[in-house]
């Protein structure tokens, strides 16, 4: 009988905790932005969605912070900013 114990490979994710990722992922970033914008029209601008840019920016920063990540200091919030650009700006934010 051959001992196959040494030939076993660990299962993907084995031994890892279910802790949050080290950086904010795309799905979470989209969730934060769409929640603040009340829209998933990713190519729409803040102006087209009739959003108050300051309130929107603060909402996104708060969402990133509440999710356990460090909000970037340069979250775009000009009237011509598209939602997808905001997603891109917060995606990859480091964990606190």
PDB file of N, CA and C in Angstrom:
ATOM      1  N   UNK A   1       0.837  -1.184   0.000  1.00  0.00           N
ATOM      2  CA  UNK A   1       0.000   0.000   0.000  1.00  0.00           C
ATOM      3  C   UNK A   1       0.882   1.248   0.000  1.00  0.00           C
ATOM      4  N   UNK A   2       0.573   2.197  -0.884  1.00  0.00           N
ATOM      5  CA  UNK A   2       1.353   3.419  -1.008  1.00  0.00           C
ATOM      6  C   UNK A   2       0.702   4.509  -0.177  1.00  0.00           C
ATOM      7  N   UNK A   3       1.510   5.240   0.567  1.00  0.00           N
ATOM      8  CA  UNK A   3       1.005   6.345   1.372  1.00  0.00           C
ATOM      9  C   UNK A   3       0.907   7.586   0.486  1.00  0.00           C
ATOM     10  N   UNK A   4      -0.299   7.995   0.185  1.00  0.00           N
ATOM     11  CA  UNK A   4      -0.518   9.153  -0.677  1.00  0.00           C
ATOM     12  C   UNK A   4      -0.632  10.458   0.104  1.00  0.00           C
ATOM     13  N   UNK A   5      -0.447  10.414   1.388  1.00  0.00           N
ATOM     14  CA  UNK A   5      -0.597  11.612   2.210  1.00  0.00           C
ATOM     15  C   UNK A   5       0.339  12.735   1.747  1.00  0.00           C
ATOM     16  N   UNK A   6       1.555  12.395   1.353  1.00  0.00           N
ATOM     17  CA  UNK A   6       2.519  13.408   0.928  1.00  0.00           C
ATOM     18  C   UNK A   6       2.165  13.994  -0.432  1.00  0.00           C
ATOM     19  N   UNK A   7       1.346  13.293  -1.216  1.00  0.00           N
ATOM     20  CA  UNK A   7       1.004  13.746  -2.554  1.00  0.00           C
ATOM     21  C   UNK A   7      -0.277  14.573  -2.597  1.00  0.00           C
ATOM     22  N   UNK A   8      -0.921  14.731  -1.486  1.00  0.00           N
ATOM     23  CA  UNK A   8      -2.168  15.486  -1.455  1.00  0.00           C
ATOM     24  C   UNK A   8      -1.887  16.976  -1.576  1.00  0.00           C
ATOM     25  N   UNK A   9      -2.701  17.649  -2.356  1.00  0.00           N
ATOM     26  CA  UNK A   9      -2.585  19.100  -2.455  1.00  0.00           C
ATOM     27  C   UNK A   9      -3.742  19.724  -1.685  1.00  0.00           C
ATOM     28  N   UNK A  10      -3.485  20.814  -1.021  1.00  0.00           N
ATOM     29  CA  UNK A  10      -4.557  21.438  -0.238  1.00  0.00           C
ATOM     30  C   UNK A  10      -5.648  21.987  -1.153  1.00  0.00           C
ATOM     31  N   UNK A  11      -6.848  21.999  -0.644  1.00  0.00           N
ATOM     32  CA  UNK A  11      -7.968  22.581  -1.373  1.00  0.00           C
ATOM     33  C   UNK A  11      -7.779  24.076  -1.482  1.00  0.00           C
ATOM     34  N   UNK A  12      -8.279  24.641  -2.555  1.00  0.00           N
ATOM     35  CA  UNK A  12      -8.191  26.092  -2.733  1.00  0.00           C
ATOM     36  C   UNK A  12      -8.880  26.778  -1.567  1.00  0.00           C
ATOM     37  N   UNK A  13      -8.176  27.696  -0.947  1.00  0.00           N
ATOM     38  CA  UNK A  13      -8.751  28.443   0.171  1.00  0.00           C
ATOM     39  C   UNK A  13      -8.628  27.741   1.513  1.00  0.00           C
ATOM     40  N   UNK A  14      -8.092  26.526   1.519  1.00  0.00           N
ATOM     41  CA  UNK A  14      -7.961  25.791   2.775  1.00  0.00           C
ATOM     42  C   UNK A  14      -7.028  26.540   3.713  1.00  0.00           C
ATOM     43  N   UNK A  15      -7.402  26.647   4.942  1.00  0.00           N
ATOM     44  CA  UNK A  15      -6.590  27.307   5.934  1.00  0.00           C
ATOM     45  C   UNK A  15      -6.722  28.820   5.928  1.00  0.00           C
ATOM     46  N   UNK A  16      -7.470  29.364   5.029  1.00  0.00           N
ATOM     47  CA  UNK A  16      -7.648  30.811   4.985  1.00  0.00           C
ATOM     48  C   UNK A  16      -8.926  31.180   5.725  1.00  0.00           C
ATOM     49  N   UNK A  17      -8.882  32.308   6.391  1.00  0.00           N
ATOM     50  CA  UNK A  17     -10.080  32.764   7.086  1.00  0.00           C
ATOM     51  C   UNK A  17     -11.014  33.437   6.098  1.00  0.00           C
ATOM     52  N   UNK A  18     -12.219  33.678   6.533  1.00  0.00           N
ATOM     53  CA  UNK A  18     -13.221  34.322   5.685  1.00  0.00           C
ATOM     54  C   UNK A  18     -13.172  35.842   5.843  1.00  0.00           C
ATOM     55  N   UNK A  19     -12.011  36.357   6.203  1.00  0.00           N
ATOM     56  CA  UNK A  19     -11.870  37.804   6.399  1.00  0.00           C
ATOM     57  C   UNK A  19     -12.024  38.537   5.077  1.00  0.00           C
ATOM     58  N   UNK A  20     -12.302  39.818   5.184  1.00  0.00           N
ATOM     59  CA  UNK A  20     -12.458  40.654   3.992  1.00  0.00           C
ATOM     60  C   UNK A  20     -11.140  40.714   3.224  1.00  0.00           C
ATOM     61  N   UNK A  21     -11.221  40.887   1.907  1.00  0.00           N
ATOM     62  CA  UNK A  21     -10.001  41.005   1.108  1.00  0.00           C
ATOM     63  C   UNK A  21      -9.173  42.214   1.524  1.00  0.00           C
ATOM     64  N   UNK A  22      -7.894  42.220   1.141  1.00  0.00           N
ATOM     65  CA  UNK A  22      -6.994  43.317   1.498  1.00  0.00           C
ATOM     66  C   UNK A  22      -7.302  44.611   0.754  1.00  0.00           C
ATOM     67  N   UNK A  23      -8.002  44.497  -0.377  1.00  0.00           N
ATOM     68  CA  UNK A  23      -8.400  45.690  -1.132  1.00  0.00           C
ATOM     69  C   UNK A  23      -9.875  45.581  -1.502  1.00  0.00           C
ATOM     70  N   UNK A  24     -10.501  46.723  -1.690  1.00  0.00           N
ATOM     71  CA  UNK A  24     -11.915  46.769  -2.062  1.00  0.00           C
ATOM     72  C   UNK A  24     -12.081  46.220  -3.475  1.00  0.00           C
ATOM     73  N   UNK A  25     -12.931  45.237  -3.616  1.00  0.00           N
ATOM     74  CA  UNK A  25     -13.147  44.599  -4.907  1.00  0.00           C
ATOM     75  C   UNK A  25     -14.179  45.318  -5.757  1.00  0.00           C
ATOM     76  N   UNK A  26     -14.254  44.887  -7.007  1.00  0.00           N
ATOM     77  CA  UNK A  26     -15.143  45.517  -7.966  1.00  0.00           C
ATOM     78  C   UNK A  26     -16.611  45.399  -7.606  1.00  0.00           C
ATOM     79  N   UNK A  27     -17.027  44.219  -7.162  1.00  0.00           N
ATOM     80  CA  UNK A  27     -18.447  44.023  -6.833  1.00  0.00           C
ATOM     81  C   UNK A  27     -18.867  44.926  -5.677  1.00  0.00           C
ATOM     82  N   UNK A  28     -18.029  45.006  -4.665  1.00  0.00           N
ATOM     83  CA  UNK A  28     -18.346  45.860  -3.507  1.00  0.00           C
ATOM     84  C   UNK A  28     -18.316  47.332  -3.900  1.00  0.00           C
ATOM     85  N   UNK A  29     -17.355  47.715  -4.748  1.00  0.00           N
ATOM     86  CA  UNK A  29     -17.268  49.098  -5.213  1.00  0.00           C
ATOM     87  C   UNK A  29     -18.526  49.473  -6.000  1.00  0.00           C
ATOM     88  N   UNK A  30     -18.989  48.574  -6.875  1.00  0.00           N
ATOM     89  CA  UNK A  30     -20.213  48.847  -7.641  1.00  0.00           C
ATOM     90  C   UNK A  30     -21.418  48.954  -6.725  1.00  0.00           C
ATOM     91  N   UNK A  31     -21.453  48.120  -5.699  1.00  0.00           N
ATOM     92  CA  UNK A  31     -22.561  48.155  -4.748  1.00  0.00           C
ATOM     93  C   UNK A  31     -22.604  49.488  -3.997  1.00  0.00           C
ATOM     94  N   UNK A  32     -21.454  49.962  -3.577  1.00  0.00           N
ATOM     95  CA  UNK A  32     -21.385  51.237  -2.850  1.00  0.00           C
ATOM     96  C   UNK A  32     -21.836  52.386  -3.755  1.00  0.00           C
ATOM     97  N   UNK A  33     -21.277  52.433  -4.966  1.00  0.00           N
ATOM     98  CA  UNK A  33     -21.590  53.532  -5.885  1.00  0.00           C
ATOM     99  C   UNK A  33     -23.061  53.494  -6.308  1.00  0.00           C
ATOM    100  N   UNK A  34     -23.555  52.325  -6.650  1.00  0.00           N
ATOM    101  CA  UNK A  34     -24.953  52.244  -7.086  1.00  0.00           C
ATOM    102  C   UNK A  34     -25.909  52.573  -5.948  1.00  0.00           C
ATOM    103  N   UNK A  35     -25.544  52.219  -4.726  1.00  0.00           N
ATOM    104  CA  UNK A  35     -26.379  52.564  -3.575  1.00  0.00           C
ATOM    105  C   UNK A  35     -26.443  54.066  -3.350  1.00  0.00           C
ATOM    106  N   UNK A  36     -25.307  54.727  -3.484  1.00  0.00           N
ATOM    107  CA  UNK A  36     -25.277  56.179  -3.301  1.00  0.00           C
ATOM    108  C   UNK A  36     -25.972  56.908  -4.447  1.00  0.00           C
ATOM    109  N   UNK A  37     -25.859  56.357  -5.653  1.00  0.00           N
ATOM    110  CA  UNK A  37     -26.469  57.003  -6.824  1.00  0.00           C
ATOM    111  C   UNK A  37     -27.912  56.576  -7.035  1.00  0.00           C
ATOM    112  N   UNK A  38     -28.317  55.506  -6.360  1.00  0.00           N
ATOM    113  CA  UNK A  38     -29.633  54.909  -6.576  1.00  0.00           C
ATOM    114  C   UNK A  38     -29.834  54.579  -8.057  1.00  0.00           C
ATOM    115  N   UNK A  39     -28.738  54.095  -8.676  1.00  0.00           N
ATOM    116  CA  UNK A  39     -28.762  53.782 -10.105  1.00  0.00           C
ATOM    117  C   UNK A  39     -27.616  52.841 -10.449  1.00  0.00           C
ATOM    118  N   UNK A  40     -27.831  52.056 -11.479  1.00  0.00           N
ATOM    119  CA  UNK A  40     -26.755  51.235 -12.041  1.00  0.00           C
ATOM    120  C   UNK A  40     -26.503  51.631 -13.496  1.00  0.00           C
ATOM    121  N   UNK A  41     -26.838  52.841 -13.833  1.00  0.00           N
ATOM    122  CA  UNK A  41     -26.562  53.368 -15.175  1.00  0.00           C
ATOM    123  C   UNK A  41     -25.094  53.806 -15.182  1.00  0.00           C
ATOM    124  N   UNK A  42     -24.193  52.843 -15.367  1.00  0.00           N
ATOM    125  CA  UNK A  42     -22.759  53.057 -15.163  1.00  0.00           C
ATOM    126  C   UNK A  42     -22.156  54.153 -16.035  1.00  0.00           C
ATOM    127  N   UNK A  43     -22.727  54.409 -17.197  1.00  0.00           N
ATOM    128  CA  UNK A  43     -22.168  55.454 -18.068  1.00  0.00           C
ATOM    129  C   UNK A  43     -22.850  56.811 -17.872  1.00  0.00           C
ATOM    130  N   UNK A  44     -23.843  56.866 -17.010  1.00  0.00           N
ATOM    131  CA  UNK A  44     -24.517  58.139 -16.729  1.00  0.00           C
ATOM    132  C   UNK A  44     -23.618  59.029 -15.872  1.00  0.00           C
ATOM    133  N   UNK A  45     -23.752  60.321 -16.070  1.00  0.00           N
ATOM    134  CA  UNK A  45     -22.993  61.278 -15.263  1.00  0.00           C
ATOM    135  C   UNK A  45     -23.797  61.631 -14.010  1.00  0.00           C
ATOM    136  N   UNK A  46     -23.097  62.202 -13.052  1.00  0.00           N
ATOM    137  CA  UNK A  46     -23.779  62.634 -11.829  1.00  0.00           C
ATOM    138  C   UNK A  46     -24.837  63.680 -12.161  1.00  0.00           C
ATOM    139  N   UNK A  47     -24.540  64.535 -13.119  1.00  0.00           N
ATOM    140  CA  UNK A  47     -25.496  65.562 -13.539  1.00  0.00           C
ATOM    141  C   UNK A  47     -26.742  64.920 -14.163  1.00  0.00           C
ATOM    142  N   UNK A  48     -26.541  63.938 -15.039  1.00  0.00           N
ATOM    143  CA  UNK A  48     -27.673  63.266 -15.678  1.00  0.00           C
ATOM    144  C   UNK A  48     -28.567  62.563 -14.658  1.00  0.00           C
ATOM    145  N   UNK A  49     -27.965  62.120 -13.558  1.00  0.00           N
ATOM    146  CA  UNK A  49     -28.724  61.445 -12.506  1.00  0.00           C
ATOM    147  C   UNK A  49     -29.262  62.429 -11.466  1.00  0.00           C
ATOM    148  N   UNK A  50     -29.018  63.713 -11.697  1.00  0.00           N
ATOM    149  CA  UNK A  50     -29.485  64.784 -10.801  1.00  0.00           C
ATOM    150  C   UNK A  50     -29.002  64.577  -9.366  1.00  0.00           C
ATOM    151  N   UNK A  51     -27.723  64.206  -9.235  1.00  0.00           N
ATOM    152  CA  UNK A  51     -27.158  63.975  -7.911  1.00  0.00           C
ATOM    153  C   UNK A  51     -26.436  65.221  -7.412  1.00  0.00           C
ATOM    154  N   UNK A  52     -26.579  65.492  -6.146  1.00  0.00           N
ATOM    155  CA  UNK A  52     -25.793  66.533  -5.501  1.00  0.00           C
ATOM    156  C   UNK A  52     -24.380  65.960  -5.359  1.00  0.00           C
ATOM    157  N   UNK A  53     -23.409  66.606  -5.990  1.00  0.00           N
ATOM    158  CA  UNK A  53     -22.071  66.021  -6.057  1.00  0.00           C
ATOM    159  C   UNK A  53     -21.401  65.878  -4.689  1.00  0.00           C
ATOM    160  N   UNK A  54     -21.592  66.822  -3.806  1.00  0.00           N
ATOM    161  CA  UNK A  54     -20.981  66.747  -2.476  1.00  0.00           C
ATOM    162  C   UNK A  54     -21.610  65.626  -1.649  1.00  0.00           C
ATOM    163  N   UNK A  55     -22.921  65.542  -1.670  1.00  0.00           N
ATOM    164  CA  UNK A  55     -23.608  64.478  -0.931  1.00  0.00           C
ATOM    165  C   UNK A  55     -23.212  63.112  -1.489  1.00  0.00           C
ATOM    166  N   UNK A  56     -23.153  63.000  -2.815  1.00  0.00           N
ATOM    167  CA  UNK A  56     -22.768  61.736  -3.438  1.00  0.00           C
ATOM    168  C   UNK A  56     -21.349  61.340  -3.040  1.00  0.00           C
ATOM    169  N   UNK A  57     -20.418  62.279  -3.129  1.00  0.00           N
ATOM    170  CA  UNK A  57     -19.030  61.981  -2.789  1.00  0.00           C
ATOM    171  C   UNK A  57     -18.904  61.539  -1.330  1.00  0.00           C
ATOM    172  N   UNK A  58     -19.596  62.238  -0.434  1.00  0.00           N
ATOM    173  CA  UNK A  58     -19.550  61.881   0.985  1.00  0.00           C
ATOM    174  C   UNK A  58     -20.179  60.507   1.230  1.00  0.00           C
ATOM    175  N   UNK A  59     -21.229  60.199   0.497  1.00  0.00           N
ATOM    176  CA  UNK A  59     -21.872  58.893   0.613  1.00  0.00           C
ATOM    177  C   UNK A  59     -20.914  57.777   0.192  1.00  0.00           C
ATOM    178  N   UNK A  60     -20.228  57.983  -0.913  1.00  0.00           N
ATOM    179  CA  UNK A  60     -19.279  56.976  -1.401  1.00  0.00           C
ATOM    180  C   UNK A  60     -18.141  56.803  -0.400  1.00  0.00           C
ATOM    181  N   UNK A  61     -17.580  57.901   0.081  1.00  0.00           N
ATOM    182  CA  UNK A  61     -16.489  57.829   1.059  1.00  0.00           C
ATOM    183  C   UNK A  61     -16.945  57.102   2.319  1.00  0.00           C
ATOM    184  N   UNK A  62     -18.140  57.408   2.773  1.00  0.00           N
ATOM    185  CA  UNK A  62     -18.689  56.749   3.961  1.00  0.00           C
ATOM    186  C   UNK A  62     -18.910  55.257   3.705  1.00  0.00           C
ATOM    187  N   UNK A  63     -19.383  54.917   2.509  1.00  0.00           N
ATOM    188  CA  UNK A  63     -19.602  53.514   2.165  1.00  0.00           C
ATOM    189  C   UNK A  63     -18.310  52.723   2.155  1.00  0.00           C
ATOM    190  N   UNK A  64     -17.254  53.319   1.606  1.00  0.00           N
ATOM    191  CA  UNK A  64     -15.945  52.659   1.583  1.00  0.00           C
ATOM    192  C   UNK A  64     -15.454  52.465   3.018  1.00  0.00           C
ATOM    193  N   UNK A  65     -15.577  53.511   3.832  1.00  0.00           N
ATOM    194  CA  UNK A  65     -15.144  53.459   5.229  1.00  0.00           C
ATOM    195  C   UNK A  65     -15.928  52.410   6.013  1.00  0.00           C
ATOM    196  N   UNK A  66     -17.234  52.407   5.855  1.00  0.00           N
ATOM    197  CA  UNK A  66     -18.090  51.450   6.563  1.00  0.00           C
ATOM    198  C   UNK A  66     -17.783  50.011   6.156  1.00  0.00           C
ATOM    199  N   UNK A  67     -17.361  49.823   4.911  1.00  0.00           N
ATOM    200  CA  UNK A  67     -17.013  48.486   4.425  1.00  0.00           C
ATOM    201  C   UNK A  67     -15.669  48.015   4.988  1.00  0.00           C
ATOM    202  N   UNK A  68     -14.945  48.916   5.660  1.00  0.00           N
ATOM    203  CA  UNK A  68     -13.684  48.537   6.286  1.00  0.00           C
ATOM    204  C   UNK A  68     -12.448  48.875   5.475  1.00  0.00           C
ATOM    205  N   UNK A  69     -12.592  49.825   4.551  1.00  0.00           N
ATOM    206  CA  UNK A  69     -11.477  50.209   3.690  1.00  0.00           C
ATOM    207  C   UNK A  69     -11.202  51.697   3.833  1.00  0.00           C
ATOM    208  N   UNK A  70     -10.022  52.126   3.397  1.00  0.00           N
ATOM    209  CA  UNK A  70      -9.626  53.523   3.485  1.00  0.00           C
ATOM    210  C   UNK A  70     -10.115  54.254   2.231  1.00  0.00           C
ATOM    211  N   UNK A  71     -11.025  55.208   2.382  1.00  0.00           N
ATOM    212  CA  UNK A  71     -11.515  55.941   1.208  1.00  0.00           C
ATOM    213  C   UNK A  71     -10.383  56.726   0.545  1.00  0.00           C
ATOM    214  N   UNK A  72     -10.272  56.647  -0.772  1.00  0.00           N
ATOM    215  CA  UNK A  72      -9.239  57.453  -1.430  1.00  0.00           C
ATOM    216  C   UNK A  72      -9.576  58.937  -1.309  1.00  0.00           C
ATOM    217  N   UNK A  73      -8.567  59.788  -1.248  1.00  0.00           N
ATOM    218  CA  UNK A  73      -8.825  61.223  -1.075  1.00  0.00           C
ATOM    219  C   UNK A  73      -9.356  61.899  -2.330  1.00  0.00           C
ATOM    220  N   UNK A  74      -9.285  61.237  -3.463  1.00  0.00           N
ATOM    221  CA  UNK A  74      -9.635  61.878  -4.734  1.00  0.00           C
ATOM    222  C   UNK A  74     -10.826  61.214  -5.420  1.00  0.00           C
ATOM    223  N   UNK A  75     -11.877  60.945  -4.676  1.00  0.00           N
ATOM    224  CA  UNK A  75     -13.086  60.373  -5.279  1.00  0.00           C
ATOM    225  C   UNK A  75     -13.670  61.419  -6.225  1.00  0.00           C
ATOM    226  N   UNK A  76     -13.781  61.093  -7.518  1.00  0.00           N
ATOM    227  CA  UNK A  76     -14.287  62.094  -8.458  1.00  0.00           C
ATOM    228  C   UNK A  76     -15.760  62.395  -8.209  1.00  0.00           C
ATOM    229  N   UNK A  77     -16.105  63.674  -8.310  1.00  0.00           N
ATOM    230  CA  UNK A  77     -17.500  64.048  -8.068  1.00  0.00           C
ATOM    231  C   UNK A  77     -17.914  65.288  -8.851  1.00  0.00           C
ATOM    232  N   UNK A  78     -17.257  65.521  -9.971  1.00  0.00           N
ATOM    233  CA  UNK A  78     -17.665  66.635 -10.834  1.00  0.00           C
ATOM    234  C   UNK A  78     -18.980  66.259 -11.512  1.00  0.00           C
ATOM    235  N   UNK A  79     -19.758  67.230 -11.916  1.00  0.00           N
ATOM    236  CA  UNK A  79     -21.048  66.929 -12.554  1.00  0.00           C
ATOM    237  C   UNK A  79     -20.932  66.003 -13.767  1.00  0.00           C
ATOM    238  N   UNK A  80     -19.796  66.061 -14.500  1.00  0.00           N
ATOM    239  CA  UNK A  80     -19.643  65.220 -15.693  1.00  0.00           C
ATOM    240  C   UNK A  80     -18.980  63.874 -15.405  1.00  0.00           C
ATOM    241  N   UNK A  81     -18.815  63.525 -14.125  1.00  0.00           N
ATOM    242  CA  UNK A  81     -18.231  62.243 -13.737  1.00  0.00           C
ATOM    243  C   UNK A  81     -19.236  61.119 -13.979  1.00  0.00           C
ATOM    244  N   UNK A  82     -18.767  60.047 -14.622  1.00  0.00           N
ATOM    245  CA  UNK A  82     -19.621  58.878 -14.850  1.00  0.00           C
ATOM    246  C   UNK A  82     -19.526  57.940 -13.643  1.00  0.00           C
ATOM    247  N   UNK A  83     -20.586  57.204 -13.374  1.00  0.00           N
ATOM    248  CA  UNK A  83     -20.590  56.284 -12.231  1.00  0.00           C
ATOM    249  C   UNK A  83     -19.448  55.286 -12.323  1.00  0.00           C
ATOM    250  N   UNK A  84     -19.167  54.769 -13.511  1.00  0.00           N
ATOM    251  CA  UNK A  84     -18.112  53.767 -13.654  1.00  0.00           C
ATOM    252  C   UNK A  84     -16.751  54.346 -13.274  1.00  0.00           C
ATOM    253  N   UNK A  85     -16.568  55.651 -13.475  1.00  0.00           N
ATOM    254  CA  UNK A  85     -15.308  56.292 -13.096  1.00  0.00           C
ATOM    255  C   UNK A  85     -15.165  56.349 -11.574  1.00  0.00           C
ATOM    256  N   UNK A  86     -16.276  56.514 -10.892  1.00  0.00           N
ATOM    257  CA  UNK A  86     -16.253  56.517  -9.427  1.00  0.00           C
ATOM    258  C   UNK A  86     -15.927  55.110  -8.931  1.00  0.00           C
ATOM    259  N   UNK A  87     -16.519  54.094  -9.554  1.00  0.00           N
ATOM    260  CA  UNK A  87     -16.222  52.698  -9.197  1.00  0.00           C
ATOM    261  C   UNK A  87     -14.721  52.457  -9.337  1.00  0.00           C
ATOM    262  N   UNK A  88     -14.158  52.865 -10.466  1.00  0.00           N
ATOM    263  CA  UNK A  88     -12.730  52.667 -10.719  1.00  0.00           C
ATOM    264  C   UNK A  88     -11.863  53.379  -9.680  1.00  0.00           C
ATOM    265  N   UNK A  89     -12.322  54.531  -9.219  1.00  0.00           N
ATOM    266  CA  UNK A  89     -11.523  55.307  -8.269  1.00  0.00           C
ATOM    267  C   UNK A  89     -11.476  54.697  -6.875  1.00  0.00           C
ATOM    268  N   UNK A  90     -12.515  53.956  -6.500  1.00  0.00           N
ATOM    269  CA  UNK A  90     -12.527  53.366  -5.148  1.00  0.00           C
ATOM    270  C   UNK A  90     -12.109  51.906  -5.157  1.00  0.00           C
ATOM    271  N   UNK A  91     -12.225  51.239  -6.290  1.00  0.00           N
ATOM    272  CA  UNK A  91     -11.823  49.837  -6.372  1.00  0.00           C
ATOM    273  C   UNK A  91     -10.327  49.751  -6.086  1.00  0.00           C
ATOM    274  N   UNK A  92      -9.953  48.838  -5.239  1.00  0.00           N
ATOM    275  CA  UNK A  92      -8.550  48.700  -4.865  1.00  0.00           C
ATOM    276  C   UNK A  92      -8.167  49.487  -3.633  1.00  0.00           C
ATOM    277  N   UNK A  93      -9.141  50.178  -3.010  1.00  0.00           N
ATOM    278  CA  UNK A  93      -8.847  50.889  -1.762  1.00  0.00           C
ATOM    279  C   UNK A  93      -8.333  49.899  -0.731  1.00  0.00           C
ATOM    280  N   UNK A  94      -7.287  50.242   0.009  1.00  0.00           N
ATOM    281  CA  UNK A  94      -6.719  49.302   0.984  1.00  0.00           C
ATOM    282  C   UNK A  94      -7.616  49.112   2.203  1.00  0.00           C
ATOM    283  N   UNK A  95      -7.516  47.929   2.758  1.00  0.00           N
ATOM    284  CA  UNK A  95      -8.236  47.620   3.983  1.00  0.00           C
ATOM    285  C   UNK A  95      -7.650  48.412   5.146  1.00  0.00           C
ATOM    286  N   UNK A  96      -8.486  48.794   6.100  1.00  0.00           N
ATOM    287  CA  UNK A  96      -8.020  49.552   7.281  1.00  0.00           C
ATOM    288  C   UNK A  96      -7.099  48.692   8.118  1.00  0.00           C
TER     289      UNK A  96
END
